[in-house]
Amino acid sequence: PRKAPHNFIHRVDLESRHACKMTKQAGIQIDVDVNWNGNCDIILQATMSKNAKVTFGVQSIKLSGRMNILLSPLTTELPIISAVQFGFTNPPDIYLDFTGAVKVINVVKSSLVRVIQN
């Protein structure tokens, strides 16, 4: 294995999809491609008026994108990592499998997806 310069790891590839490097502020930045497919049971109810209520839900969520994890600052005492920050490099692709009234009303469905992605 190639030795990295003192206190700096330029890049480590794991299956050509992940990157890890030391940051200038004595931290570690990890980039990971995330593909998540999860089942859920979310039920919501929108009240339009006193007598008009619409019930809908989400039965599965699919999410994919590049996640950035920053472990910084690093210290010389335990615990070595003082803080963890994470988020997506760009907005992730999100697919929601709706149930109920929203499943048949495409205008409402596209509006909900747009709100979530923004």
N, C-alpha and C. Protein backbone atom coordinates (compact mmCIF):
# COMPACT_ATOMS: atom_id res chain seq x y z
N PRO A 1 0.81 -1.19 0.00
CA PRO A 1 0.00 0.00 0.00
C PRO A 1 0.86 1.26 0.00
N ARG A 2 0.37 2.28 -0.66
CA ARG A 2 1.06 3.56 -0.74
C ARG A 2 0.87 4.33 0.55
N LYS A 3 1.94 4.92 1.06
CA LYS A 3 1.84 5.72 2.28
C LYS A 3 1.38 7.13 1.95
N ALA A 4 0.48 7.65 2.76
CA ALA A 4 -0.01 9.01 2.57
C ALA A 4 0.88 9.98 3.32
N PRO A 5 0.98 11.22 2.86
CA PRO A 5 1.74 12.23 3.61
C PRO A 5 1.17 12.40 5.01
N HIS A 6 1.98 12.89 5.91
CA HIS A 6 1.59 13.09 7.30
C HIS A 6 0.30 13.93 7.38
N ASN A 7 -0.71 13.45 8.11
CA ASN A 7 -1.98 14.13 8.35
C ASN A 7 -2.80 14.42 7.10
N PHE A 8 -2.57 13.70 6.01
CA PHE A 8 -3.38 13.96 4.83
C PHE A 8 -3.58 12.68 4.04
N ILE A 9 -4.84 12.29 3.87
CA ILE A 9 -5.17 11.15 3.02
C ILE A 9 -5.85 11.73 1.81
N HIS A 10 -5.22 11.62 0.64
CA HIS A 10 -5.76 12.27 -0.55
C HIS A 10 -7.07 11.64 -1.00
N ARG A 11 -7.07 10.34 -1.24
CA ARG A 11 -8.30 9.69 -1.70
C ARG A 11 -8.16 8.18 -1.54
N VAL A 12 -9.22 7.58 -1.07
CA VAL A 12 -9.28 6.13 -0.97
C VAL A 12 -10.54 5.68 -1.67
N ASP A 13 -10.43 4.84 -2.71
CA ASP A 13 -11.59 4.34 -3.43
C ASP A 13 -12.03 3.01 -2.86
N LEU A 14 -13.30 2.89 -2.59
CA LEU A 14 -13.89 1.64 -2.16
C LEU A 14 -14.96 1.29 -3.18
N GLU A 15 -14.70 0.29 -4.00
CA GLU A 15 -15.61 -0.13 -5.06
C GLU A 15 -15.93 1.02 -6.02
N SER A 16 -15.00 1.94 -6.22
CA SER A 16 -15.12 3.06 -7.16
C SER A 16 -16.32 3.95 -6.90
N ARG A 17 -16.92 3.90 -5.73
CA ARG A 17 -18.09 4.73 -5.46
C ARG A 17 -17.94 5.61 -4.24
N HIS A 18 -16.92 5.41 -3.45
CA HIS A 18 -16.79 6.15 -2.20
C HIS A 18 -15.45 6.88 -2.18
N ALA A 19 -15.42 8.02 -1.56
CA ALA A 19 -14.18 8.77 -1.43
C ALA A 19 -14.04 9.24 0.01
N CYS A 20 -12.80 9.29 0.47
CA CYS A 20 -12.52 9.72 1.84
C CYS A 20 -11.28 10.59 1.79
N LYS A 21 -11.29 11.75 2.44
CA LYS A 21 -10.10 12.58 2.48
C LYS A 21 -10.07 13.39 3.76
N MET A 22 -8.87 13.77 4.16
CA MET A 22 -8.71 14.65 5.31
C MET A 22 -8.99 16.07 4.86
N THR A 23 -9.66 16.85 5.70
CA THR A 23 -9.94 18.24 5.36
C THR A 23 -8.86 19.13 5.97
N LYS A 24 -8.84 20.39 5.57
CA LYS A 24 -7.82 21.31 6.07
C LYS A 24 -8.03 21.64 7.54
N GLN A 25 -9.25 21.50 8.05
CA GLN A 25 -9.53 21.81 9.46
C GLN A 25 -9.44 20.57 10.34
N ALA A 26 -8.53 19.68 10.07
CA ALA A 26 -8.34 18.45 10.86
C ALA A 26 -9.65 17.68 10.98
N GLY A 27 -10.19 17.31 9.85
CA GLY A 27 -11.41 16.53 9.83
C GLY A 27 -11.34 15.49 8.73
N ILE A 28 -12.35 14.65 8.66
CA ILE A 28 -12.43 13.62 7.63
C ILE A 28 -13.73 13.82 6.87
N GLN A 29 -13.62 13.89 5.54
CA GLN A 29 -14.80 14.02 4.69
C GLN A 29 -14.98 12.71 3.94
N ILE A 30 -16.20 12.17 3.99
CA ILE A 30 -16.52 10.90 3.33
C ILE A 30 -17.68 11.17 2.38
N ASP A 31 -17.53 10.78 1.11
CA ASP A 31 -18.60 10.88 0.13
C ASP A 31 -19.08 9.47 -0.19
N VAL A 32 -20.39 9.25 -0.08
CA VAL A 32 -20.96 7.91 -0.27
C VAL A 32 -22.18 8.00 -1.18
N ASP A 33 -22.26 7.11 -2.17
CA ASP A 33 -23.47 7.02 -2.99
C ASP A 33 -24.51 6.24 -2.21
N VAL A 34 -25.70 6.83 -2.04
CA VAL A 34 -26.77 6.23 -1.25
C VAL A 34 -27.92 5.83 -2.18
N ASN A 35 -28.35 4.59 -2.08
CA ASN A 35 -29.55 4.11 -2.75
C ASN A 35 -30.39 3.41 -1.69
N TRP A 36 -31.48 4.05 -1.32
CA TRP A 36 -32.29 3.52 -0.23
C TRP A 36 -33.70 3.26 -0.74
N ASN A 37 -34.22 2.09 -0.45
CA ASN A 37 -35.58 1.70 -0.83
C ASN A 37 -36.26 1.20 0.44
N GLY A 38 -37.15 2.00 0.98
CA GLY A 38 -37.75 1.64 2.25
C GLY A 38 -39.26 1.61 2.22
N ASN A 39 -39.81 0.63 2.89
CA ASN A 39 -41.27 0.55 3.07
C ASN A 39 -41.64 1.39 4.28
N CYS A 40 -42.78 2.05 4.20
CA CYS A 40 -43.24 2.85 5.33
C CYS A 40 -44.76 2.81 5.37
N ASP A 41 -45.31 3.36 6.40
CA ASP A 41 -46.77 3.40 6.56
C ASP A 41 -47.13 4.78 7.07
N ILE A 42 -47.21 5.75 6.15
CA ILE A 42 -47.51 7.12 6.50
C ILE A 42 -48.91 7.45 6.00
N ILE A 43 -49.76 7.94 6.88
CA ILE A 43 -51.11 8.33 6.50
C ILE A 43 -51.33 9.78 6.93
N LEU A 44 -51.78 10.61 5.98
CA LEU A 44 -52.03 12.02 6.23
C LEU A 44 -53.48 12.34 5.86
N GLN A 45 -54.00 13.40 6.47
CA GLN A 45 -55.36 13.82 6.15
C GLN A 45 -55.36 15.33 5.95
N ALA A 46 -55.84 15.77 4.79
CA ALA A 46 -55.96 17.19 4.48
C ALA A 46 -57.42 17.58 4.66
N THR A 47 -57.66 18.63 5.44
CA THR A 47 -59.02 19.12 5.66
C THR A 47 -59.25 20.33 4.77
N MET A 48 -60.13 20.18 3.80
CA MET A 48 -60.44 21.26 2.87
C MET A 48 -61.49 22.19 3.48
N SER A 49 -62.47 21.61 4.14
CA SER A 49 -63.51 22.36 4.83
C SER A 49 -64.00 21.49 5.98
N LYS A 50 -65.02 21.94 6.66
CA LYS A 50 -65.54 21.19 7.81
C LYS A 50 -65.94 19.77 7.43
N ASN A 51 -66.51 19.60 6.23
CA ASN A 51 -66.99 18.28 5.82
C ASN A 51 -66.14 17.61 4.75
N ALA A 52 -65.18 18.33 4.17
CA ALA A 52 -64.37 17.77 3.08
C ALA A 52 -62.97 17.44 3.58
N LYS A 53 -62.72 16.16 3.71
CA LYS A 53 -61.41 15.69 4.15
C LYS A 53 -60.88 14.68 3.14
N VAL A 54 -59.58 14.77 2.85
CA VAL A 54 -58.95 13.86 1.90
C VAL A 54 -57.85 13.10 2.65
N THR A 55 -57.93 11.78 2.62
CA THR A 55 -56.93 10.95 3.27
C THR A 55 -56.03 10.34 2.21
N PHE A 56 -54.72 10.39 2.46
CA PHE A 56 -53.75 9.81 1.54
C PHE A 56 -52.54 9.37 2.35
N GLY A 57 -51.67 8.64 1.70
CA GLY A 57 -50.50 8.14 2.41
C GLY A 57 -49.35 7.83 1.48
N VAL A 58 -48.27 7.36 2.09
CA VAL A 58 -47.08 6.94 1.37
C VAL A 58 -46.75 5.54 1.86
N GLN A 59 -46.61 4.58 0.92
CA GLN A 59 -46.31 3.21 1.33
C GLN A 59 -44.86 2.81 1.09
N SER A 60 -44.13 3.57 0.23
CA SER A 60 -42.70 3.31 0.08
C SER A 60 -41.99 4.56 -0.39
N ILE A 61 -40.73 4.66 -0.02
CA ILE A 61 -39.88 5.79 -0.38
C ILE A 61 -38.60 5.24 -0.99
N LYS A 62 -38.20 5.79 -2.14
CA LYS A 62 -36.91 5.46 -2.76
C LYS A 62 -36.12 6.75 -2.82
N LEU A 63 -34.86 6.69 -2.43
CA LEU A 63 -34.02 7.86 -2.37
C LEU A 63 -32.64 7.49 -2.90
N SER A 64 -32.07 8.31 -3.77
CA SER A 64 -30.71 8.05 -4.24
C SER A 64 -29.98 9.36 -4.48
N GLY A 65 -28.70 9.37 -4.15
CA GLY A 65 -27.87 10.55 -4.34
C GLY A 65 -26.54 10.37 -3.64
N ARG A 66 -25.67 11.35 -3.78
CA ARG A 66 -24.36 11.32 -3.14
C ARG A 66 -24.43 12.05 -1.82
N MET A 67 -24.11 11.33 -0.73
CA MET A 67 -24.14 11.90 0.61
C MET A 67 -22.72 12.27 1.03
N ASN A 68 -22.61 13.42 1.68
CA ASN A 68 -21.35 13.93 2.19
C ASN A 68 -21.39 13.87 3.70
N ILE A 69 -20.40 13.20 4.30
CA ILE A 69 -20.32 13.10 5.77
C ILE A 69 -19.01 13.76 6.19
N LEU A 70 -19.09 14.72 7.11
CA LEU A 70 -17.90 15.44 7.58
C LEU A 70 -17.72 15.16 9.07
N LEU A 71 -16.59 14.59 9.42
CA LEU A 71 -16.23 14.32 10.81
C LEU A 71 -15.18 15.37 11.19
N SER A 72 -15.60 16.42 11.91
CA SER A 72 -14.69 17.53 12.18
C SER A 72 -15.25 18.38 13.31
N PRO A 73 -14.44 18.95 14.15
CA PRO A 73 -12.99 18.84 14.19
C PRO A 73 -12.54 17.57 14.90
N LEU A 74 -11.34 17.13 14.56
CA LEU A 74 -10.73 15.98 15.22
C LEU A 74 -9.90 16.50 16.39
N THR A 75 -9.87 15.74 17.47
CA THR A 75 -9.11 16.13 18.65
C THR A 75 -8.12 15.03 19.02
N THR A 76 -7.28 15.31 19.95
CA THR A 76 -6.32 14.30 20.42
C THR A 76 -6.84 13.54 21.63
N GLU A 77 -8.03 13.91 22.11
CA GLU A 77 -8.62 13.24 23.26
C GLU A 77 -9.90 12.50 22.85
N LEU A 78 -10.26 11.49 23.62
CA LEU A 78 -11.49 10.75 23.33
C LEU A 78 -12.70 11.59 23.70
N PRO A 79 -13.76 11.58 22.98
CA PRO A 79 -13.90 10.98 21.66
C PRO A 79 -13.15 11.81 20.62
N ILE A 80 -12.49 11.17 19.72
CA ILE A 80 -11.61 11.84 18.76
C ILE A 80 -12.39 12.79 17.85
N ILE A 81 -13.62 12.45 17.52
CA ILE A 81 -14.45 13.26 16.63
C ILE A 81 -15.38 14.12 17.48
N SER A 82 -15.31 15.44 17.30
CA SER A 82 -16.13 16.35 18.09
C SER A 82 -17.53 16.55 17.52
N ALA A 83 -17.67 16.47 16.19
CA ALA A 83 -18.98 16.70 15.57
C ALA A 83 -19.08 15.92 14.26
N VAL A 84 -20.32 15.62 13.88
CA VAL A 84 -20.60 14.96 12.60
C VAL A 84 -21.63 15.79 11.86
N GLN A 85 -21.33 16.12 10.60
CA GLN A 85 -22.27 16.83 9.74
C GLN A 85 -22.52 15.95 8.53
N PHE A 86 -23.77 15.92 8.05
CA PHE A 86 -24.05 15.13 6.86
C PHE A 86 -25.16 15.79 6.06
N GLY A 87 -25.12 15.53 4.78
CA GLY A 87 -26.13 16.06 3.87
C GLY A 87 -25.83 15.56 2.47
N PHE A 88 -26.68 15.90 1.53
CA PHE A 88 -26.47 15.47 0.16
C PHE A 88 -25.72 16.56 -0.60
N THR A 89 -24.78 16.14 -1.45
CA THR A 89 -24.01 17.07 -2.27
C THR A 89 -24.94 17.86 -3.18
N ASN A 90 -25.88 17.19 -3.80
CA ASN A 90 -26.94 17.78 -4.63
C ASN A 90 -28.26 17.21 -4.13
N PRO A 91 -29.38 17.86 -4.44
CA PRO A 91 -30.66 17.29 -4.00
C PRO A 91 -30.81 15.85 -4.49
N PRO A 92 -31.18 14.93 -3.60
CA PRO A 92 -31.30 13.52 -4.00
C PRO A 92 -32.54 13.30 -4.86
N ASP A 93 -32.51 12.22 -5.64
CA ASP A 93 -33.70 11.79 -6.37
C ASP A 93 -34.62 11.09 -5.39
N ILE A 94 -35.89 11.51 -5.35
CA ILE A 94 -36.84 10.95 -4.40
C ILE A 94 -38.05 10.43 -5.18
N TYR A 95 -38.45 9.21 -4.88
CA TYR A 95 -39.67 8.63 -5.45
C TYR A 95 -40.56 8.22 -4.29
N LEU A 96 -41.80 8.68 -4.30
CA LEU A 96 -42.77 8.33 -3.27
C LEU A 96 -43.89 7.52 -3.91
N ASP A 97 -44.23 6.40 -3.31
CA ASP A 97 -45.35 5.57 -3.79
C ASP A 97 -46.56 5.90 -2.93
N PHE A 98 -47.46 6.72 -3.48
CA PHE A 98 -48.62 7.22 -2.74
C PHE A 98 -49.75 6.19 -2.70
N THR A 99 -50.60 6.34 -1.69
CA THR A 99 -51.82 5.56 -1.58
C THR A 99 -52.98 6.54 -1.39
N GLY A 100 -54.17 6.06 -1.54
CA GLY A 100 -55.35 6.90 -1.30
C GLY A 100 -55.62 7.86 -2.43
N ALA A 101 -56.22 9.01 -2.08
CA ALA A 101 -56.68 9.98 -3.08
C ALA A 101 -55.55 10.56 -3.92
N VAL A 102 -54.38 10.75 -3.37
CA VAL A 102 -53.27 11.36 -4.11
C VAL A 102 -52.80 10.46 -5.25
N LYS A 103 -52.95 9.16 -5.09
CA LYS A 103 -52.51 8.23 -6.13
C LYS A 103 -53.22 8.47 -7.46
N VAL A 104 -54.45 8.92 -7.40
CA VAL A 104 -55.22 9.14 -8.64
C VAL A 104 -55.23 10.61 -9.09
N ILE A 105 -54.79 11.52 -8.24
CA ILE A 105 -54.79 12.95 -8.59
C ILE A 105 -53.34 13.36 -8.88
N ASN A 106 -52.93 13.30 -10.13
CA ASN A 106 -51.54 13.58 -10.51
C ASN A 106 -51.09 15.00 -10.20
N VAL A 107 -51.98 15.99 -10.26
CA VAL A 107 -51.61 17.38 -9.98
C VAL A 107 -51.15 17.51 -8.53
N VAL A 108 -51.90 16.93 -7.61
CA VAL A 108 -51.54 16.98 -6.19
C VAL A 108 -50.25 16.21 -5.95
N LYS A 109 -50.12 15.05 -6.59
CA LYS A 109 -48.93 14.21 -6.44
C LYS A 109 -47.68 14.95 -6.88
N SER A 110 -47.71 15.58 -8.06
CA SER A 110 -46.53 16.29 -8.56
C SER A 110 -46.21 17.50 -7.69
N SER A 111 -47.22 18.16 -7.14
CA SER A 111 -47.00 19.30 -6.24
C SER A 111 -46.32 18.85 -4.95
N LEU A 112 -46.77 17.74 -4.37
CA LEU A 112 -46.14 17.22 -3.15
C LEU A 112 -44.69 16.85 -3.38
N VAL A 113 -44.40 16.18 -4.48
CA VAL A 113 -43.03 15.78 -4.79
C VAL A 113 -42.15 17.02 -4.99
N ARG A 114 -42.66 18.04 -5.67
CA ARG A 114 -41.90 19.28 -5.90
C ARG A 114 -41.58 19.97 -4.57
N VAL A 115 -42.54 20.02 -3.65
CA VAL A 115 -42.31 20.65 -2.34
C VAL A 115 -41.23 19.89 -1.56
N ILE A 116 -41.28 18.57 -1.59
CA ILE A 116 -40.30 17.75 -0.87
C ILE A 116 -38.90 17.95 -1.45
N GLN A 117 -38.78 17.99 -2.77
CA GLN A 117 -37.47 18.12 -3.40
C GLN A 117 -36.88 19.52 -3.26
N ASN A 118 -37.70 20.52 -3.04
CA ASN A 118 -37.18 21.87 -2.84
C ASN A 118 -36.95 22.14 -1.38
